[in-house]
N, C-alpha and C. Protein backbone atom coordinates (compact mmCIF):
# COMPACT_ATOMS: atom_id res chain seq x y z
N SER A 1 35.85 -19.72 2.73
CA SER A 1 35.42 -20.06 4.07
C SER A 1 35.40 -18.82 4.96
N LEU A 2 36.44 -17.98 4.82
CA LEU A 2 36.51 -16.75 5.61
C LEU A 2 35.39 -15.79 5.23
N CYS A 3 35.10 -15.70 3.93
CA CYS A 3 34.03 -14.83 3.45
C CYS A 3 32.68 -15.32 3.95
N PHE A 4 32.49 -16.64 3.96
CA PHE A 4 31.23 -17.20 4.45
C PHE A 4 31.03 -16.89 5.93
N CYS A 5 32.12 -16.90 6.72
CA CYS A 5 32.03 -16.58 8.15
C CYS A 5 31.63 -15.12 8.34
N ARG A 6 32.20 -14.21 7.53
CA ARG A 6 31.81 -12.80 7.63
C ARG A 6 30.34 -12.62 7.29
N MET A 7 29.88 -13.36 6.26
CA MET A 7 28.49 -13.24 5.87
C MET A 7 27.58 -13.80 6.96
N ALA A 8 27.99 -14.87 7.63
CA ALA A 8 27.19 -15.42 8.72
C ALA A 8 27.09 -14.42 9.86
N LEU A 9 28.18 -13.71 10.14
CA LEU A 9 28.13 -12.67 11.18
C LEU A 9 27.21 -11.53 10.78
N ASN A 10 27.25 -11.13 9.50
CA ASN A 10 26.36 -10.08 9.02
C ASN A 10 24.91 -10.52 9.11
N LEU A 11 24.62 -11.78 8.77
CA LEU A 11 23.25 -12.29 8.86
C LEU A 11 22.79 -12.32 10.31
N ALA A 12 23.69 -12.71 11.21
CA ALA A 12 23.32 -12.75 12.63
C ALA A 12 23.01 -11.35 13.13
N SER A 13 23.77 -10.35 12.70
CA SER A 13 23.48 -8.98 13.14
C SER A 13 22.17 -8.48 12.56
N LEU A 14 21.83 -8.88 11.31
CA LEU A 14 20.54 -8.51 10.74
C LEU A 14 19.39 -9.14 11.50
N VAL A 15 19.55 -10.41 11.90
CA VAL A 15 18.50 -11.09 12.65
C VAL A 15 18.30 -10.41 14.00
N ARG A 16 19.41 -10.05 14.66
CA ARG A 16 19.30 -9.38 15.95
C ARG A 16 18.62 -8.03 15.83
N SER A 17 18.85 -7.32 14.74
CA SER A 17 18.25 -6.00 14.59
C SER A 17 16.81 -6.06 14.10
N GLY A 18 16.28 -7.23 13.84
CA GLY A 18 14.87 -7.38 13.48
C GLY A 18 14.61 -7.26 11.99
N LEU A 19 15.61 -7.36 11.15
CA LEU A 19 15.44 -7.23 9.71
C LEU A 19 15.46 -8.60 9.04
N ARG A 20 14.70 -9.54 9.53
CA ARG A 20 14.71 -10.91 9.00
C ARG A 20 14.17 -10.98 7.58
N SER A 21 13.23 -10.08 7.23
CA SER A 21 12.66 -10.15 5.88
C SER A 21 13.63 -9.66 4.82
N LEU A 22 14.73 -9.02 5.22
CA LEU A 22 15.67 -8.48 4.26
C LEU A 22 16.82 -9.42 3.94
N ILE A 23 16.87 -10.58 4.59
CA ILE A 23 17.99 -11.50 4.41
C ILE A 23 17.82 -12.23 3.09
N ILE A 24 18.92 -12.31 2.32
CA ILE A 24 18.90 -13.03 1.05
C ILE A 24 19.78 -14.26 1.16
N ALA A 25 19.74 -15.09 0.16
CA ALA A 25 20.53 -16.32 0.16
C ALA A 25 22.02 -15.99 0.11
N PRO A 26 22.86 -16.81 0.75
CA PRO A 26 24.30 -16.53 0.75
C PRO A 26 24.89 -16.67 -0.65
N ARG A 27 25.96 -15.88 -0.90
CA ARG A 27 26.64 -15.89 -2.19
C ARG A 27 27.80 -16.88 -2.16
N LEU A 28 28.16 -17.36 -3.32
CA LEU A 28 29.36 -18.20 -3.43
C LEU A 28 30.58 -17.30 -3.42
N CYS A 29 31.62 -17.70 -2.73
CA CYS A 29 32.85 -16.91 -2.65
C CYS A 29 33.98 -17.68 -3.32
N SER A 30 34.90 -16.93 -3.90
CA SER A 30 36.02 -17.57 -4.58
C SER A 30 37.02 -18.15 -3.60
N THR A 31 36.95 -17.78 -2.30
CA THR A 31 37.91 -18.29 -1.33
C THR A 31 37.56 -19.70 -0.88
N ASP A 32 36.32 -20.13 -1.06
CA ASP A 32 35.93 -21.47 -0.68
C ASP A 32 36.42 -22.44 -1.76
N ALA A 33 37.28 -23.37 -1.40
CA ALA A 33 37.94 -24.25 -2.38
C ALA A 33 36.94 -25.16 -3.08
N ALA A 34 36.03 -25.77 -2.33
CA ALA A 34 35.08 -26.70 -2.94
C ALA A 34 34.11 -25.95 -3.84
N ALA A 35 33.66 -24.80 -3.38
CA ALA A 35 32.71 -24.02 -4.18
C ALA A 35 33.36 -23.48 -5.43
N SER A 36 34.62 -23.05 -5.31
CA SER A 36 35.30 -22.50 -6.49
C SER A 36 35.61 -23.60 -7.50
N ALA A 37 35.91 -24.80 -7.02
CA ALA A 37 36.18 -25.91 -7.94
C ALA A 37 34.91 -26.28 -8.70
N ALA A 38 33.79 -26.33 -7.99
CA ALA A 38 32.52 -26.66 -8.65
C ALA A 38 32.10 -25.54 -9.59
N ALA A 39 32.32 -24.30 -9.19
CA ALA A 39 31.94 -23.17 -10.02
C ALA A 39 32.82 -23.07 -11.26
N SER A 40 34.11 -23.36 -11.12
CA SER A 40 35.00 -23.29 -12.27
C SER A 40 34.70 -24.41 -13.26
N ALA A 41 34.21 -25.53 -12.76
CA ALA A 41 33.84 -26.62 -13.66
C ALA A 41 32.58 -26.25 -14.43
N ALA A 42 31.67 -25.51 -13.79
CA ALA A 42 30.41 -25.15 -14.43
C ALA A 42 30.60 -23.99 -15.41
N SER A 43 31.42 -23.01 -15.07
CA SER A 43 31.64 -21.87 -15.94
C SER A 43 33.06 -21.38 -15.79
N THR A 44 33.46 -20.51 -16.68
CA THR A 44 34.82 -20.00 -16.62
C THR A 44 34.97 -18.88 -15.60
N GLU A 45 33.89 -18.15 -15.30
CA GLU A 45 33.96 -17.05 -14.34
C GLU A 45 33.63 -17.55 -12.95
N THR A 46 34.37 -17.08 -11.96
CA THR A 46 34.06 -17.41 -10.57
C THR A 46 33.63 -16.14 -9.87
N PRO A 47 32.55 -16.18 -9.12
CA PRO A 47 32.11 -14.98 -8.41
C PRO A 47 33.10 -14.62 -7.31
N SER A 48 33.33 -13.34 -7.13
CA SER A 48 34.25 -12.89 -6.10
C SER A 48 33.46 -12.29 -4.95
N CYS A 49 34.06 -12.28 -3.79
CA CYS A 49 33.39 -11.76 -2.60
C CYS A 49 34.37 -10.85 -1.88
N SER A 50 33.96 -9.63 -1.62
CA SER A 50 34.80 -8.72 -0.87
C SER A 50 33.93 -7.89 0.05
N GLU A 51 34.55 -7.24 0.97
CA GLU A 51 33.79 -6.42 1.92
C GLU A 51 33.18 -5.20 1.25
N ASP A 52 33.80 -4.72 0.17
CA ASP A 52 33.32 -3.52 -0.51
C ASP A 52 32.17 -3.80 -1.47
N GLU A 53 31.87 -5.05 -1.71
CA GLU A 53 30.81 -5.40 -2.64
C GLU A 53 29.45 -5.10 -2.01
N PRO A 54 28.56 -4.43 -2.74
CA PRO A 54 27.25 -4.10 -2.16
C PRO A 54 26.38 -5.34 -1.97
N ILE A 55 25.59 -5.32 -0.93
CA ILE A 55 24.66 -6.41 -0.65
C ILE A 55 23.32 -6.04 -1.26
N GLU A 56 22.76 -6.94 -2.05
CA GLU A 56 21.47 -6.69 -2.67
C GLU A 56 20.37 -7.21 -1.75
N LEU A 57 19.47 -6.32 -1.36
CA LEU A 57 18.36 -6.69 -0.49
C LEU A 57 17.13 -6.98 -1.33
N ALA A 58 16.28 -7.88 -0.85
CA ALA A 58 15.08 -8.25 -1.58
C ALA A 58 14.04 -7.14 -1.53
N VAL A 59 14.01 -6.39 -0.43
CA VAL A 59 13.02 -5.33 -0.24
C VAL A 59 13.75 -4.04 0.09
N ASN A 60 13.28 -2.93 -0.46
CA ASN A 60 13.86 -1.63 -0.15
C ASN A 60 13.37 -1.20 1.23
N PRO A 61 14.26 -1.07 2.22
CA PRO A 61 13.81 -0.70 3.57
C PRO A 61 13.35 0.74 3.67
N TYR A 62 13.68 1.58 2.69
CA TYR A 62 13.30 2.99 2.73
C TYR A 62 12.06 3.30 1.91
N ALA A 63 11.51 2.30 1.26
CA ALA A 63 10.33 2.52 0.43
C ALA A 63 9.13 2.82 1.32
N ARG A 64 8.33 3.78 0.88
CA ARG A 64 7.12 4.13 1.62
C ARG A 64 6.06 3.06 1.41
N GLU A 65 5.21 2.91 2.40
CA GLU A 65 4.10 1.98 2.24
C GLU A 65 3.12 2.58 1.24
N PRO A 66 2.46 1.75 0.44
CA PRO A 66 1.50 2.29 -0.51
C PRO A 66 0.35 2.98 0.22
N ARG A 67 -0.05 4.13 -0.33
CA ARG A 67 -1.12 4.90 0.30
C ARG A 67 -2.45 4.18 0.14
N LYS A 68 -3.19 4.06 1.21
CA LYS A 68 -4.49 3.40 1.16
C LYS A 68 -5.59 4.43 1.35
N CYS A 69 -6.74 4.15 0.76
CA CYS A 69 -7.87 5.06 0.91
C CYS A 69 -8.47 4.89 2.31
N LEU A 70 -9.36 5.79 2.65
CA LEU A 70 -9.96 5.82 3.98
C LEU A 70 -10.69 4.52 4.31
N LEU A 71 -11.46 4.02 3.36
CA LEU A 71 -12.25 2.81 3.63
C LEU A 71 -11.38 1.56 3.68
N CYS A 72 -10.34 1.49 2.86
CA CYS A 72 -9.43 0.34 2.90
C CYS A 72 -8.61 0.35 4.18
N ARG A 73 -8.18 1.55 4.61
CA ARG A 73 -7.35 1.67 5.81
C ARG A 73 -8.12 1.27 7.06
N THR A 74 -9.39 1.67 7.16
CA THR A 74 -10.17 1.38 8.36
C THR A 74 -10.91 0.05 8.28
N GLY A 75 -11.04 -0.51 7.07
CA GLY A 75 -11.72 -1.79 6.92
C GLY A 75 -13.24 -1.68 6.99
N VAL A 76 -13.79 -0.50 6.73
CA VAL A 76 -15.23 -0.29 6.78
C VAL A 76 -15.86 -0.86 5.51
N GLN A 77 -16.91 -1.64 5.67
CA GLN A 77 -17.64 -2.20 4.55
C GLN A 77 -18.82 -1.29 4.23
N LEU A 78 -19.00 -0.96 2.96
CA LEU A 78 -20.11 -0.12 2.55
C LEU A 78 -21.38 -0.95 2.47
N ASP A 79 -22.46 -0.39 3.02
CA ASP A 79 -23.75 -1.07 3.00
C ASP A 79 -24.81 -0.04 2.61
N TYR A 80 -25.75 -0.44 1.78
CA TYR A 80 -26.76 0.51 1.32
C TYR A 80 -27.69 0.96 2.45
N LYS A 81 -27.75 0.20 3.54
CA LYS A 81 -28.61 0.58 4.67
C LYS A 81 -27.93 1.56 5.62
N ASN A 82 -26.63 1.76 5.48
CA ASN A 82 -25.90 2.70 6.32
C ASN A 82 -25.90 4.07 5.65
N ALA A 83 -27.06 4.74 5.70
CA ALA A 83 -27.22 6.02 5.02
C ALA A 83 -26.36 7.11 5.63
N ARG A 84 -26.09 7.01 6.92
CA ARG A 84 -25.28 8.04 7.58
C ARG A 84 -23.85 8.07 7.02
N LEU A 85 -23.27 6.91 6.79
CA LEU A 85 -21.93 6.85 6.20
C LEU A 85 -21.96 7.29 4.74
N LEU A 86 -22.95 6.84 3.99
CA LEU A 86 -23.02 7.18 2.58
C LEU A 86 -23.25 8.68 2.36
N GLN A 87 -23.97 9.34 3.29
CA GLN A 87 -24.22 10.77 3.18
C GLN A 87 -22.95 11.60 3.31
N GLN A 88 -21.89 11.03 3.92
CA GLN A 88 -20.62 11.74 4.06
C GLN A 88 -19.98 12.02 2.71
N PHE A 89 -20.29 11.21 1.71
CA PHE A 89 -19.67 11.32 0.40
C PHE A 89 -20.58 12.02 -0.61
N VAL A 90 -21.66 12.67 -0.12
CA VAL A 90 -22.62 13.35 -0.98
C VAL A 90 -22.59 14.84 -0.68
N SER A 91 -22.67 15.67 -1.73
CA SER A 91 -22.68 17.12 -1.56
C SER A 91 -23.97 17.55 -0.87
N SER A 92 -23.85 18.47 0.10
CA SER A 92 -25.04 18.93 0.82
C SER A 92 -25.85 19.91 -0.02
N PHE A 93 -25.27 20.46 -1.08
CA PHE A 93 -25.97 21.43 -1.91
C PHE A 93 -26.66 20.78 -3.11
N SER A 94 -25.95 19.91 -3.81
CA SER A 94 -26.50 19.34 -5.03
C SER A 94 -26.96 17.90 -4.88
N GLY A 95 -26.48 17.20 -3.86
CA GLY A 95 -26.82 15.80 -3.69
C GLY A 95 -25.98 14.87 -4.55
N ARG A 96 -24.98 15.40 -5.25
CA ARG A 96 -24.13 14.57 -6.10
C ARG A 96 -23.02 13.94 -5.28
N VAL A 97 -22.54 12.79 -5.76
CA VAL A 97 -21.45 12.08 -5.10
C VAL A 97 -20.14 12.80 -5.46
N TYR A 98 -19.29 13.03 -4.44
CA TYR A 98 -18.00 13.67 -4.68
C TYR A 98 -17.11 12.73 -5.49
N ASP A 99 -16.23 13.33 -6.30
CA ASP A 99 -15.31 12.55 -7.13
C ASP A 99 -14.19 11.95 -6.30
N ARG A 100 -13.43 11.05 -6.94
CA ARG A 100 -12.31 10.37 -6.27
C ARG A 100 -11.23 11.33 -5.80
N HIS A 101 -10.96 12.37 -6.56
CA HIS A 101 -9.88 13.28 -6.18
C HIS A 101 -10.23 14.08 -4.94
N ILE A 102 -11.51 14.19 -4.62
CA ILE A 102 -11.94 14.89 -3.41
C ILE A 102 -12.01 13.93 -2.23
N THR A 103 -12.61 12.76 -2.44
CA THR A 103 -12.79 11.81 -1.34
C THR A 103 -11.50 11.07 -1.01
N GLY A 104 -10.63 10.88 -1.99
CA GLY A 104 -9.40 10.13 -1.76
C GLY A 104 -9.60 8.63 -1.77
N LEU A 105 -10.72 8.16 -2.28
CA LEU A 105 -10.98 6.72 -2.33
C LEU A 105 -10.29 6.10 -3.54
N CYS A 106 -10.03 4.80 -3.43
CA CYS A 106 -9.45 4.07 -4.56
C CYS A 106 -10.56 3.77 -5.58
N ASP A 107 -10.17 3.29 -6.75
CA ASP A 107 -11.15 3.00 -7.81
C ASP A 107 -12.21 2.01 -7.35
N GLU A 108 -11.76 0.96 -6.70
CA GLU A 108 -12.67 -0.11 -6.27
C GLU A 108 -13.69 0.41 -5.25
N GLN A 109 -13.22 1.15 -4.25
CA GLN A 109 -14.13 1.65 -3.21
C GLN A 109 -15.06 2.73 -3.77
N GLN A 110 -14.58 3.55 -4.71
CA GLN A 110 -15.43 4.58 -5.30
C GLN A 110 -16.56 3.93 -6.10
N ALA A 111 -16.27 2.85 -6.82
CA ALA A 111 -17.30 2.14 -7.57
C ALA A 111 -18.31 1.50 -6.63
N LYS A 112 -17.82 0.91 -5.52
CA LYS A 112 -18.73 0.32 -4.53
C LYS A 112 -19.59 1.40 -3.89
N LEU A 113 -19.00 2.58 -3.65
CA LEU A 113 -19.74 3.69 -3.03
C LEU A 113 -20.87 4.15 -3.94
N ILE A 114 -20.59 4.35 -5.21
CA ILE A 114 -21.61 4.81 -6.15
C ILE A 114 -22.73 3.79 -6.26
N GLN A 115 -22.37 2.51 -6.28
CA GLN A 115 -23.38 1.45 -6.37
C GLN A 115 -24.23 1.41 -5.09
N ALA A 116 -23.59 1.54 -3.92
CA ALA A 116 -24.33 1.50 -2.66
C ALA A 116 -25.25 2.71 -2.53
N ILE A 117 -24.82 3.88 -2.98
CA ILE A 117 -25.67 5.08 -2.92
C ILE A 117 -26.86 4.92 -3.85
N ALA A 118 -26.65 4.37 -5.04
CA ALA A 118 -27.76 4.16 -5.98
C ALA A 118 -28.79 3.19 -5.40
N ILE A 119 -28.33 2.11 -4.79
CA ILE A 119 -29.25 1.14 -4.18
C ILE A 119 -29.98 1.78 -3.01
N SER A 120 -29.25 2.54 -2.20
CA SER A 120 -29.85 3.18 -1.03
C SER A 120 -30.91 4.20 -1.43
N ARG A 121 -30.68 4.93 -2.50
CA ARG A 121 -31.67 5.91 -2.97
C ARG A 121 -32.91 5.20 -3.52
N ARG A 122 -32.71 4.10 -4.24
CA ARG A 122 -33.86 3.35 -4.76
C ARG A 122 -34.66 2.69 -3.65
N ALA A 123 -33.97 2.30 -2.57
CA ALA A 123 -34.66 1.65 -1.45
C ALA A 123 -35.32 2.66 -0.52
N GLY A 124 -35.01 3.95 -0.68
CA GLY A 124 -35.64 4.98 0.13
C GLY A 124 -34.88 5.36 1.39
N TYR A 125 -33.65 4.89 1.54
CA TYR A 125 -32.86 5.25 2.72
C TYR A 125 -32.22 6.64 2.59
N MET A 126 -32.00 7.10 1.35
CA MET A 126 -31.37 8.40 1.11
C MET A 126 -32.21 9.21 0.14
N PRO A 127 -32.25 10.55 0.34
CA PRO A 127 -32.92 11.39 -0.66
C PRO A 127 -32.08 11.47 -1.94
N ALA A 128 -32.76 11.72 -3.05
CA ALA A 128 -32.06 11.67 -4.34
C ALA A 128 -31.33 12.97 -4.69
N LEU A 129 -31.88 14.12 -4.35
CA LEU A 129 -31.32 15.37 -4.85
C LEU A 129 -30.57 16.20 -3.82
N VAL A 130 -30.77 15.98 -2.55
CA VAL A 130 -30.09 16.77 -1.52
C VAL A 130 -29.54 15.84 -0.45
N LYS A 131 -28.70 16.41 0.40
CA LYS A 131 -28.21 15.65 1.54
C LYS A 131 -29.26 15.74 2.64
N ASP A 132 -29.47 14.66 3.34
CA ASP A 132 -30.46 14.64 4.42
C ASP A 132 -30.07 15.64 5.50
N PRO A 133 -30.98 16.56 5.89
CA PRO A 133 -30.63 17.61 6.86
C PRO A 133 -30.17 17.08 8.22
N LYS A 134 -30.60 15.90 8.62
CA LYS A 134 -30.19 15.40 9.94
C LYS A 134 -28.73 14.94 9.95
N TYR A 135 -28.11 14.79 8.76
CA TYR A 135 -26.71 14.38 8.70
C TYR A 135 -25.77 15.53 8.33
N VAL A 136 -26.27 16.75 8.24
CA VAL A 136 -25.45 17.88 7.81
C VAL A 136 -24.36 18.20 8.83
N ARG A 137 -24.62 18.01 10.10
CA ARG A 137 -23.65 18.37 11.15
C ARG A 137 -22.71 17.22 11.52
N ASP A 138 -22.72 16.15 10.78
CA ASP A 138 -21.78 15.05 11.04
C ASP A 138 -20.35 15.52 10.79
N PRO A 139 -19.38 14.92 11.48
CA PRO A 139 -17.98 15.32 11.23
C PRO A 139 -17.57 15.00 9.79
N ALA A 140 -16.78 15.90 9.22
CA ALA A 140 -16.37 15.75 7.82
C ALA A 140 -15.21 14.78 7.70
N LEU A 141 -15.30 13.87 6.76
CA LEU A 141 -14.21 12.93 6.48
C LEU A 141 -13.14 13.58 5.60
N PHE A 142 -13.52 14.62 4.87
CA PHE A 142 -12.62 15.33 3.96
C PHE A 142 -13.21 16.70 3.71
N ASP A 143 -12.41 17.60 3.16
CA ASP A 143 -12.86 18.95 2.83
C ASP A 143 -13.08 19.04 1.33
N PRO A 144 -14.32 19.24 0.87
CA PRO A 144 -14.55 19.29 -0.58
C PRO A 144 -13.89 20.49 -1.27
N LEU A 145 -13.56 21.53 -0.52
CA LEU A 145 -12.90 22.69 -1.11
C LEU A 145 -11.39 22.52 -1.21
N ARG A 146 -10.85 21.53 -0.52
CA ARG A 146 -9.41 21.24 -0.58
C ARG A 146 -9.23 19.77 -0.94
N PRO A 147 -9.21 19.44 -2.22
CA PRO A 147 -9.11 18.04 -2.65
C PRO A 147 -7.82 17.39 -2.17
N ILE A 148 -7.89 16.08 -1.97
CA ILE A 148 -6.73 15.31 -1.54
C ILE A 148 -5.73 15.20 -2.69
N ARG A 149 -6.21 14.96 -3.90
CA ARG A 149 -5.36 14.87 -5.09
C ARG A 149 -5.78 15.95 -6.08
N ALA A 150 -4.89 16.27 -6.98
CA ALA A 150 -5.22 17.23 -8.03
C ALA A 150 -6.22 16.60 -8.99
N HIS A 151 -7.09 17.43 -9.55
CA HIS A 151 -8.10 16.93 -10.47
C HIS A 151 -7.45 16.52 -11.78
N SER A 152 -7.90 15.42 -12.36
CA SER A 152 -7.25 14.89 -13.56
C SER A 152 -7.57 15.73 -14.81
N PHE A 153 -8.66 16.50 -14.79
CA PHE A 153 -9.04 17.28 -15.96
C PHE A 153 -8.55 18.72 -15.89
N ALA A 154 -7.88 19.10 -14.80
CA ALA A 154 -7.45 20.49 -14.64
C ALA A 154 -6.20 20.79 -15.42
């Protein structure tokens, strides 16, 4: 009973501090007579509760959020008619699409990008071999000379 009261106070302090998602179900304590009688009937071992025992949290509060690519983070939908956006991911010298390690896109968005560029080129919205000169001075989303990730074949 005393251990349960301490745990209730700890839960109340967690709720006050805004960590509601980290609260786990209460543990059985050996000091509770009814719980210990039921637990001893079910098994020979009774769980113990002490102040020094570590509390297991469901979520690691220090874990970093997973890194998201530029398009997932901003929620931009790729469209074959938006040639200005698609030109940002094309080399101004060769007209080739930059790889994932340069653009920093996830697998799914990179596949959608390549498909949208192919459709846009077939529809005539984008040139096939070079970057359109009117989009050369657009702000850069990334630096092709300084990749976001290391190249997988290097």
